[in-house]
Amino acid sequence: MSTFELQIVTPERLIYSGPAVSAVVPAADGQLGILAHHAPLLASLGAGPLTVRAESGVRSWIVRGGIVEVHENTVSVLADEVVE
């Protein structure tokens, strides 16, 4: 399975860092699905569920605002707030 490096951070702490198979993030204009080798992207986040599928299982959080950046098989979610 192809993976990408994912980091989810808030101003207070690191939420997740590691490989992921897929991620679905709540972009301002709707849900955005990300797989390995996704095209470069910068988008605003809205409020909603952020779901990550890793080889070890599926995890979800609620995100409120921020940005997501995809670049060179790395995804960075810089969230204003994350609720577990």
PDB file of N, CA and C in Angstrom:
ATOM      1  N   MET A   1       0.829  -1.175   0.000  1.00  0.00           N
ATOM      2  CA  MET A   1       0.000   0.000   0.000  1.00  0.00           C
ATOM      3  C   MET A   1       0.881   1.250   0.000  1.00  0.00           C
ATOM      4  N   SER A   2       0.569   2.185  -0.842  1.00  0.00           N
ATOM      5  CA  SER A   2       1.307   3.449  -0.867  1.00  0.00           C
ATOM      6  C   SER A   2       0.873   4.321   0.296  1.00  0.00           C
ATOM      7  N   THR A   3       1.834   4.991   0.906  1.00  0.00           N
ATOM      8  CA  THR A   3       1.540   5.870   2.029  1.00  0.00           C
ATOM      9  C   THR A   3       2.161   7.240   1.798  1.00  0.00           C
ATOM     10  N   PHE A   4       1.764   8.174   2.630  1.00  0.00           N
ATOM     11  CA  PHE A   4       2.368   9.504   2.646  1.00  0.00           C
ATOM     12  C   PHE A   4       2.602   9.883   4.093  1.00  0.00           C
ATOM     13  N   GLU A   5       3.447  10.852   4.321  1.00  0.00           N
ATOM     14  CA  GLU A   5       3.735  11.334   5.668  1.00  0.00           C
ATOM     15  C   GLU A   5       2.688  12.365   6.047  1.00  0.00           C
ATOM     16  N   LEU A   6       2.111  12.233   7.225  1.00  0.00           N
ATOM     17  CA  LEU A   6       1.045  13.125   7.675  1.00  0.00           C
ATOM     18  C   LEU A   6       1.390  13.699   9.035  1.00  0.00           C
ATOM     19  N   GLN A   7       1.188  14.998   9.176  1.00  0.00           N
ATOM     20  CA  GLN A   7       1.303  15.660  10.470  1.00  0.00           C
ATOM     21  C   GLN A   7       0.040  16.481  10.699  1.00  0.00           C
ATOM     22  N   ILE A   8      -0.522  16.334  11.891  1.00  0.00           N
ATOM     23  CA  ILE A   8      -1.671  17.143  12.306  1.00  0.00           C
ATOM     24  C   ILE A   8      -1.229  17.890  13.554  1.00  0.00           C
ATOM     25  N   VAL A   9      -1.219  19.226  13.471  1.00  0.00           N
ATOM     26  CA  VAL A   9      -0.758  20.026  14.601  1.00  0.00           C
ATOM     27  C   VAL A   9      -1.731  21.161  14.892  1.00  0.00           C
ATOM     28  N   THR A  10      -1.755  21.577  16.159  1.00  0.00           N
ATOM     29  CA  THR A  10      -2.487  22.760  16.595  1.00  0.00           C
ATOM     30  C   THR A  10      -1.462  23.705  17.203  1.00  0.00           C
ATOM     31  N   PRO A  11      -1.850  24.925  17.525  1.00  0.00           N
ATOM     32  CA  PRO A  11      -0.903  25.814  18.194  1.00  0.00           C
ATOM     33  C   PRO A  11      -0.405  25.252  19.536  1.00  0.00           C
ATOM     34  N   GLU A  12      -1.177  24.372  20.163  1.00  0.00           N
ATOM     35  CA  GLU A  12      -0.821  23.827  21.466  1.00  0.00           C
ATOM     36  C   GLU A  12       0.023  22.562  21.416  1.00  0.00           C
ATOM     37  N   ARG A  13      -0.231  21.688  20.392  1.00  0.00           N
ATOM     38  CA  ARG A  13       0.458  20.400  20.422  1.00  0.00           C
ATOM     39  C   ARG A  13       0.393  19.650  19.096  1.00  0.00           C
ATOM     40  N   LEU A  14       1.203  18.601  19.025  1.00  0.00           N
ATOM     41  CA  LEU A  14       1.196  17.675  17.903  1.00  0.00           C
ATOM     42  C   LEU A  14       0.111  16.637  18.164  1.00  0.00           C
ATOM     43  N   ILE A  15      -0.810  16.471  17.213  1.00  0.00           N
ATOM     44  CA  ILE A  15      -1.907  15.519  17.357  1.00  0.00           C
ATOM     45  C   ILE A  15      -1.526  14.168  16.769  1.00  0.00           C
ATOM     46  N   TYR A  16      -0.925  14.181  15.579  1.00  0.00           N
ATOM     47  CA  TYR A  16      -0.558  12.934  14.894  1.00  0.00           C
ATOM     48  C   TYR A  16       0.637  13.204  14.001  1.00  0.00           C
ATOM     49  N   SER A  17       1.538  12.250  13.944  1.00  0.00           N
ATOM     50  CA  SER A  17       2.665  12.311  13.026  1.00  0.00           C
ATOM     51  C   SER A  17       3.026  10.892  12.630  1.00  0.00           C
ATOM     52  N   GLY A  18       2.969  10.605  11.343  1.00  0.00           N
ATOM     53  CA  GLY A  18       3.309   9.268  10.891  1.00  0.00           C
ATOM     54  C   GLY A  18       2.781   9.000   9.497  1.00  0.00           C
ATOM     55  N   PRO A  19       2.960   7.775   9.025  1.00  0.00           N
ATOM     56  CA  PRO A  19       2.475   7.421   7.695  1.00  0.00           C
ATOM     57  C   PRO A  19       0.959   7.257   7.676  1.00  0.00           C
ATOM     58  N   ALA A  20       0.371   7.548   6.533  1.00  0.00           N
ATOM     59  CA  ALA A  20      -1.073   7.376   6.345  1.00  0.00           C
ATOM     60  C   ALA A  20      -1.324   6.828   4.947  1.00  0.00           C
ATOM     61  N   VAL A  21      -2.375   6.067   4.819  1.00  0.00           N
ATOM     62  CA  VAL A  21      -2.801   5.531   3.523  1.00  0.00           C
ATOM     63  C   VAL A  21      -3.742   6.515   2.853  1.00  0.00           C
ATOM     64  N   SER A  22      -4.629   7.145   3.643  1.00  0.00           N
ATOM     65  CA  SER A  22      -5.554   8.142   3.107  1.00  0.00           C
ATOM     66  C   SER A  22      -5.957   9.087   4.225  1.00  0.00           C
ATOM     67  N   ALA A  23      -6.435  10.254   3.818  1.00  0.00           N
ATOM     68  CA  ALA A  23      -6.976  11.227   4.768  1.00  0.00           C
ATOM     69  C   ALA A  23      -8.144  11.940   4.099  1.00  0.00           C
ATOM     70  N   VAL A  24      -9.172  12.206   4.866  1.00  0.00           N
ATOM     71  CA  VAL A  24     -10.309  13.007   4.401  1.00  0.00           C
ATOM     72  C   VAL A  24     -10.392  14.190   5.349  1.00  0.00           C
ATOM     73  N   VAL A  25     -10.235  15.397   4.793  1.00  0.00           N
ATOM     74  CA  VAL A  25     -10.220  16.609   5.613  1.00  0.00           C
ATOM     75  C   VAL A  25     -11.393  17.509   5.233  1.00  0.00           C
ATOM     76  N   PRO A  26     -11.896  18.297   6.203  1.00  0.00           N
ATOM     77  CA  PRO A  26     -13.019  19.187   5.925  1.00  0.00           C
ATOM     78  C   PRO A  26     -12.530  20.524   5.351  1.00  0.00           C
ATOM     79  N   ALA A  27     -12.314  20.567   4.062  1.00  0.00           N
ATOM     80  CA  ALA A  27     -11.913  21.820   3.421  1.00  0.00           C
ATOM     81  C   ALA A  27     -13.072  22.808   3.488  1.00  0.00           C
ATOM     82  N   ALA A  28     -12.775  24.070   3.323  1.00  0.00           N
ATOM     83  CA  ALA A  28     -13.812  25.110   3.406  1.00  0.00           C
ATOM     84  C   ALA A  28     -14.923  24.895   2.379  1.00  0.00           C
ATOM     85  N   ASP A  29     -14.599  24.286   1.230  1.00  0.00           N
ATOM     86  CA  ASP A  29     -15.582  24.076   0.165  1.00  0.00           C
ATOM     87  C   ASP A  29     -16.147  22.660   0.127  1.00  0.00           C
ATOM     88  N   GLY A  30     -15.847  21.843   1.127  1.00  0.00           N
ATOM     89  CA  GLY A  30     -16.340  20.468   1.161  1.00  0.00           C
ATOM     90  C   GLY A  30     -15.234  19.501   1.530  1.00  0.00           C
ATOM     91  N   GLN A  31     -15.569  18.228   1.602  1.00  0.00           N
ATOM     92  CA  GLN A  31     -14.612  17.202   1.986  1.00  0.00           C
ATOM     93  C   GLN A  31     -13.546  17.019   0.903  1.00  0.00           C
ATOM     94  N   LEU A  32     -12.312  16.820   1.337  1.00  0.00           N
ATOM     95  CA  LEU A  32     -11.180  16.658   0.427  1.00  0.00           C
ATOM     96  C   LEU A  32     -10.490  15.349   0.760  1.00  0.00           C
ATOM     97  N   GLY A  33     -10.427  14.436  -0.196  1.00  0.00           N
ATOM     98  CA  GLY A  33      -9.742  13.161  -0.008  1.00  0.00           C
ATOM     99  C   GLY A  33      -8.310  13.238  -0.505  1.00  0.00           C
ATOM    100  N   ILE A  34      -7.387  12.682   0.276  1.00  0.00           N
ATOM    101  CA  ILE A  34      -5.969  12.725  -0.079  1.00  0.00           C
ATOM    102  C   ILE A  34      -5.404  11.315  -0.028  1.00  0.00           C
ATOM    103  N   LEU A  35      -4.719  10.936  -1.098  1.00  0.00           N
ATOM    104  CA  LEU A  35      -4.016   9.661  -1.187  1.00  0.00           C
ATOM    105  C   LEU A  35      -2.541   9.939  -1.440  1.00  0.00           C
ATOM    106  N   ALA A  36      -1.734   8.892  -1.424  1.00  0.00           N
ATOM    107  CA  ALA A  36      -0.306   9.036  -1.692  1.00  0.00           C
ATOM    108  C   ALA A  36      -0.088   9.675  -3.062  1.00  0.00           C
ATOM    109  N   HIS A  37       0.922  10.500  -3.159  1.00  0.00           N
ATOM    110  CA  HIS A  37       1.344  11.188  -4.392  1.00  0.00           C
ATOM    111  C   HIS A  37       0.282  12.153  -4.930  1.00  0.00           C
ATOM    112  N   HIS A  38      -0.503  12.725  -4.031  1.00  0.00           N
ATOM    113  CA  HIS A  38      -1.505  13.733  -4.405  1.00  0.00           C
ATOM    114  C   HIS A  38      -0.795  14.953  -4.989  1.00  0.00           C
ATOM    115  N   ALA A  39      -1.436  15.645  -5.884  1.00  0.00           N
ATOM    116  CA  ALA A  39      -0.882  16.878  -6.464  1.00  0.00           C
ATOM    117  C   ALA A  39      -0.690  17.929  -5.369  1.00  0.00           C
ATOM    118  N   PRO A  40       0.283  18.812  -5.520  1.00  0.00           N
ATOM    119  CA  PRO A  40       0.477  19.887  -4.532  1.00  0.00           C
ATOM    120  C   PRO A  40      -0.814  20.689  -4.339  1.00  0.00           C
ATOM    121  N   LEU A  41      -1.060  21.099  -3.089  1.00  0.00           N
ATOM    122  CA  LEU A  41      -2.331  21.730  -2.762  1.00  0.00           C
ATOM    123  C   LEU A  41      -2.179  22.550  -1.492  1.00  0.00           C
ATOM    124  N   LEU A  42      -2.876  23.658  -1.431  1.00  0.00           N
ATOM    125  CA  LEU A  42      -3.004  24.457  -0.217  1.00  0.00           C
ATOM    126  C   LEU A  42      -4.469  24.856  -0.122  1.00  0.00           C
ATOM    127  N   ALA A  43      -5.126  24.506   0.993  1.00  0.00           N
ATOM    128  CA  ALA A  43      -6.559  24.783   1.132  1.00  0.00           C
ATOM    129  C   ALA A  43      -6.889  25.185   2.564  1.00  0.00           C
ATOM    130  N   SER A  44      -7.935  25.993   2.705  1.00  0.00           N
ATOM    131  CA  SER A  44      -8.449  26.365   4.024  1.00  0.00           C
ATOM    132  C   SER A  44      -9.301  25.230   4.566  1.00  0.00           C
ATOM    133  N   LEU A  45      -9.258  25.062   5.875  1.00  0.00           N
ATOM    134  CA  LEU A  45     -10.091  24.060   6.525  1.00  0.00           C
ATOM    135  C   LEU A  45     -11.342  24.718   7.094  1.00  0.00           C
ATOM    136  N   GLY A  46     -12.430  23.985   7.039  1.00  0.00           N
ATOM    137  CA  GLY A  46     -13.650  24.402   7.708  1.00  0.00           C
ATOM    138  C   GLY A  46     -13.764  23.633   9.012  1.00  0.00           C
ATOM    139  N   ALA A  47     -14.973  23.407   9.459  1.00  0.00           N
ATOM    140  CA  ALA A  47     -15.211  22.610  10.660  1.00  0.00           C
ATOM    141  C   ALA A  47     -15.809  21.276  10.247  1.00  0.00           C
ATOM    142  N   GLY A  48     -15.327  20.203  10.871  1.00  0.00           N
ATOM    143  CA  GLY A  48     -15.870  18.889  10.562  1.00  0.00           C
ATOM    144  C   GLY A  48     -14.896  17.787  10.874  1.00  0.00           C
ATOM    145  N   PRO A  49     -15.260  16.557  10.493  1.00  0.00           N
ATOM    146  CA  PRO A  49     -14.418  15.406  10.807  1.00  0.00           C
ATOM    147  C   PRO A  49     -13.186  15.314   9.909  1.00  0.00           C
ATOM    148  N   LEU A  50     -12.080  14.953  10.510  1.00  0.00           N
ATOM    149  CA  LEU A  50     -10.845  14.640   9.795  1.00  0.00           C
ATOM    150  C   LEU A  50     -10.582  13.164  10.070  1.00  0.00           C
ATOM    151  N   THR A  51     -10.575  12.353   9.021  1.00  0.00           N
ATOM    152  CA  THR A  51     -10.427  10.907   9.165  1.00  0.00           C
ATOM    153  C   THR A  51      -9.140  10.462   8.495  1.00  0.00           C
ATOM    154  N   VAL A  52      -8.348   9.686   9.227  1.00  0.00           N
ATOM    155  CA  VAL A  52      -7.066   9.196   8.722  1.00  0.00           C
ATOM    156  C   VAL A  52      -7.085   7.677   8.730  1.00  0.00           C
ATOM    157  N   ARG A  53      -6.736   7.101   7.607  1.00  0.00           N
ATOM    158  CA  ARG A  53      -6.585   5.649   7.524  1.00  0.00           C
ATOM    159  C   ARG A  53      -5.099   5.345   7.438  1.00  0.00           C
ATOM    160  N   ALA A  54      -4.585   4.651   8.412  1.00  0.00           N
ATOM    161  CA  ALA A  54      -3.190   4.216   8.429  1.00  0.00           C
ATOM    162  C   ALA A  54      -3.181   2.698   8.335  1.00  0.00           C
ATOM    163  N   GLU A  55      -2.004   2.116   8.164  1.00  0.00           N
ATOM    164  CA  GLU A  55      -1.917   0.668   8.083  1.00  0.00           C
ATOM    165  C   GLU A  55      -2.359   0.019   9.397  1.00  0.00           C
ATOM    166  N   SER A  56      -2.287   0.763  10.507  1.00  0.00           N
ATOM    167  CA  SER A  56      -2.659   0.229  11.817  1.00  0.00           C
ATOM    168  C   SER A  56      -4.145   0.412  12.147  1.00  0.00           C
ATOM    169  N   GLY A  57      -4.889   1.142  11.313  1.00  0.00           N
ATOM    170  CA  GLY A  57      -6.310   1.347  11.576  1.00  0.00           C
ATOM    171  C   GLY A  57      -6.778   2.740  11.198  1.00  0.00           C
ATOM    172  N   VAL A  58      -7.994   3.077  11.601  1.00  0.00           N
ATOM    173  CA  VAL A  58      -8.623   4.352  11.253  1.00  0.00           C
ATOM    174  C   VAL A  58      -8.783   5.192  12.521  1.00  0.00           C
ATOM    175  N   ARG A  59      -8.449   6.483  12.400  1.00  0.00           N
ATOM    176  CA  ARG A  59      -8.636   7.423  13.510  1.00  0.00           C
ATOM    177  C   ARG A  59      -9.369   8.642  12.992  1.00  0.00           C
ATOM    178  N   SER A  60     -10.161   9.276  13.877  1.00  0.00           N
ATOM    179  CA  SER A  60     -10.911  10.475  13.489  1.00  0.00           C
ATOM    180  C   SER A  60     -10.830  11.528  14.583  1.00  0.00           C
ATOM    181  N   TRP A  61     -10.881  12.784  14.147  1.00  0.00           N
ATOM    182  CA  TRP A  61     -10.910  13.940  15.033  1.00  0.00           C
ATOM    183  C   TRP A  61     -11.894  14.946  14.448  1.00  0.00           C
ATOM    184  N   ILE A  62     -12.312  15.910  15.237  1.00  0.00           N
ATOM    185  CA  ILE A  62     -13.101  17.036  14.744  1.00  0.00           C
ATOM    186  C   ILE A  62     -12.159  18.232  14.667  1.00  0.00           C
ATOM    187  N   VAL A  63     -12.113  18.868  13.501  1.00  0.00           N
ATOM    188  CA  VAL A  63     -11.220  20.004  13.252  1.00  0.00           C
ATOM    189  C   VAL A  63     -12.063  21.256  13.109  1.00  0.00           C
ATOM    190  N   ARG A  64     -11.543  22.360  13.624  1.00  0.00           N
ATOM    191  CA  ARG A  64     -12.232  23.652  13.468  1.00  0.00           C
ATOM    192  C   ARG A  64     -11.235  24.669  12.949  1.00  0.00           C
ATOM    193  N   GLY A  65     -11.239  24.895  11.639  1.00  0.00           N
ATOM    194  CA  GLY A  65     -10.413  25.914  11.011  1.00  0.00           C
ATOM    195  C   GLY A  65      -8.952  25.525  10.858  1.00  0.00           C
ATOM    196  N   GLY A  66      -8.256  26.278  10.008  1.00  0.00           N
ATOM    197  CA  GLY A  66      -6.841  26.059   9.761  1.00  0.00           C
ATOM    198  C   GLY A  66      -6.557  25.922   8.281  1.00  0.00           C
ATOM    199  N   ILE A  67      -5.436  25.261   7.956  1.00  0.00           N
ATOM    200  CA  ILE A  67      -5.071  25.021   6.563  1.00  0.00           C
ATOM    201  C   ILE A  67      -4.526  23.608   6.417  1.00  0.00           C
ATOM    202  N   VAL A  68      -4.573  23.108   5.196  1.00  0.00           N
ATOM    203  CA  VAL A  68      -3.946  21.836   4.850  1.00  0.00           C
ATOM    204  C   VAL A  68      -3.032  22.091   3.665  1.00  0.00           C
ATOM    205  N   GLU A  69      -1.817  21.533   3.731  1.00  0.00           N
ATOM    206  CA  GLU A  69      -0.850  21.665   2.647  1.00  0.00           C
ATOM    207  C   GLU A  69      -0.397  20.275   2.228  1.00  0.00           C
ATOM    208  N   VAL A  70      -0.394  20.031   0.918  1.00  0.00           N
ATOM    209  CA  VAL A  70       0.113  18.787   0.345  1.00  0.00           C
ATOM    210  C   VAL A  70       1.294  19.159  -0.530  1.00  0.00           C
ATOM    211  N   HIS A  71       2.451  18.534  -0.250  1.00  0.00           N
ATOM    212  CA  HIS A  71       3.656  18.850  -1.015  1.00  0.00           C
ATOM    213  C   HIS A  71       4.634  17.679  -0.912  1.00  0.00           C
ATOM    214  N   GLU A  72       5.045  17.147  -2.062  1.00  0.00           N
ATOM    215  CA  GLU A  72       6.045  16.075  -2.138  1.00  0.00           C
ATOM    216  C   GLU A  72       5.724  14.897  -1.219  1.00  0.00           C
ATOM    217  N   ASN A  73       4.516  14.371  -1.345  1.00  0.00           N
ATOM    218  CA  ASN A  73       4.041  13.201  -0.608  1.00  0.00           C
ATOM    219  C   ASN A  73       4.036  13.405   0.907  1.00  0.00           C
ATOM    220  N   THR A  74       3.915  14.658   1.319  1.00  0.00           N
ATOM    221  CA  THR A  74       3.787  15.022   2.722  1.00  0.00           C
ATOM    222  C   THR A  74       2.551  15.894   2.879  1.00  0.00           C
ATOM    223  N   VAL A  75       1.744  15.603   3.894  1.00  0.00           N
ATOM    224  CA  VAL A  75       0.537  16.372   4.164  1.00  0.00           C
ATOM    225  C   VAL A  75       0.661  16.981   5.557  1.00  0.00           C
ATOM    226  N   SER A  76       0.471  18.296   5.637  1.00  0.00           N
ATOM    227  CA  SER A  76       0.516  19.019   6.907  1.00  0.00           C
ATOM    228  C   SER A  76      -0.845  19.645   7.149  1.00  0.00           C
ATOM    229  N   VAL A  77      -1.470  19.279   8.259  1.00  0.00           N
ATOM    230  CA  VAL A  77      -2.736  19.871   8.678  1.00  0.00           C
ATOM    231  C   VAL A  77      -2.393  20.794   9.850  1.00  0.00           C
ATOM    232  N   LEU A  78      -2.554  22.080   9.645  1.00  0.00           N
ATOM    233  CA  LEU A  78      -2.298  23.083  10.673  1.00  0.00           C
ATOM    234  C   LEU A  78      -3.660  23.580  11.130  1.00  0.00           C
ATOM    235  N   ALA A  79      -4.162  22.989  12.186  1.00  0.00           N
ATOM    236  CA  ALA A  79      -5.538  23.222  12.623  1.00  0.00           C
ATOM    237  C   ALA A  79      -5.595  24.264  13.738  1.00  0.00           C
ATOM    238  N   ASP A  80      -6.616  25.110  13.695  1.00  0.00           N
ATOM    239  CA  ASP A  80      -6.857  26.058  14.778  1.00  0.00           C
ATOM    240  C   ASP A  80      -7.240  25.318  16.053  1.00  0.00           C
ATOM    241  N   GLU A  81      -8.076  24.275  15.907  1.00  0.00           N
ATOM    242  CA  GLU A  81      -8.530  23.493  17.061  1.00  0.00           C
ATOM    243  C   GLU A  81      -8.857  22.081  16.618  1.00  0.00           C
ATOM    244  N   VAL A  82      -8.505  21.104  17.447  1.00  0.00           N
ATOM    245  CA  VAL A  82      -8.824  19.693  17.195  1.00  0.00           C
ATOM    246  C   VAL A  82      -9.457  19.117  18.455  1.00  0.00           C
ATOM    247  N   VAL A  83     -10.588  18.452  18.274  1.00  0.00           N
ATOM    248  CA  VAL A  83     -11.268  17.784  19.374  1.00  0.00           C
ATOM    249  C   VAL A  83     -11.169  16.288  19.128  1.00  0.00           C
ATOM    250  N   GLU A  84     -10.736  15.551  20.151  1.00  0.00           N
ATOM    251  CA  GLU A  84     -10.596  14.101  19.995  1.00  0.00           C
ATOM    252  C   GLU A  84     -11.825  13.390  20.471  1.00  0.00           C
TER     253      GLU A  84
END
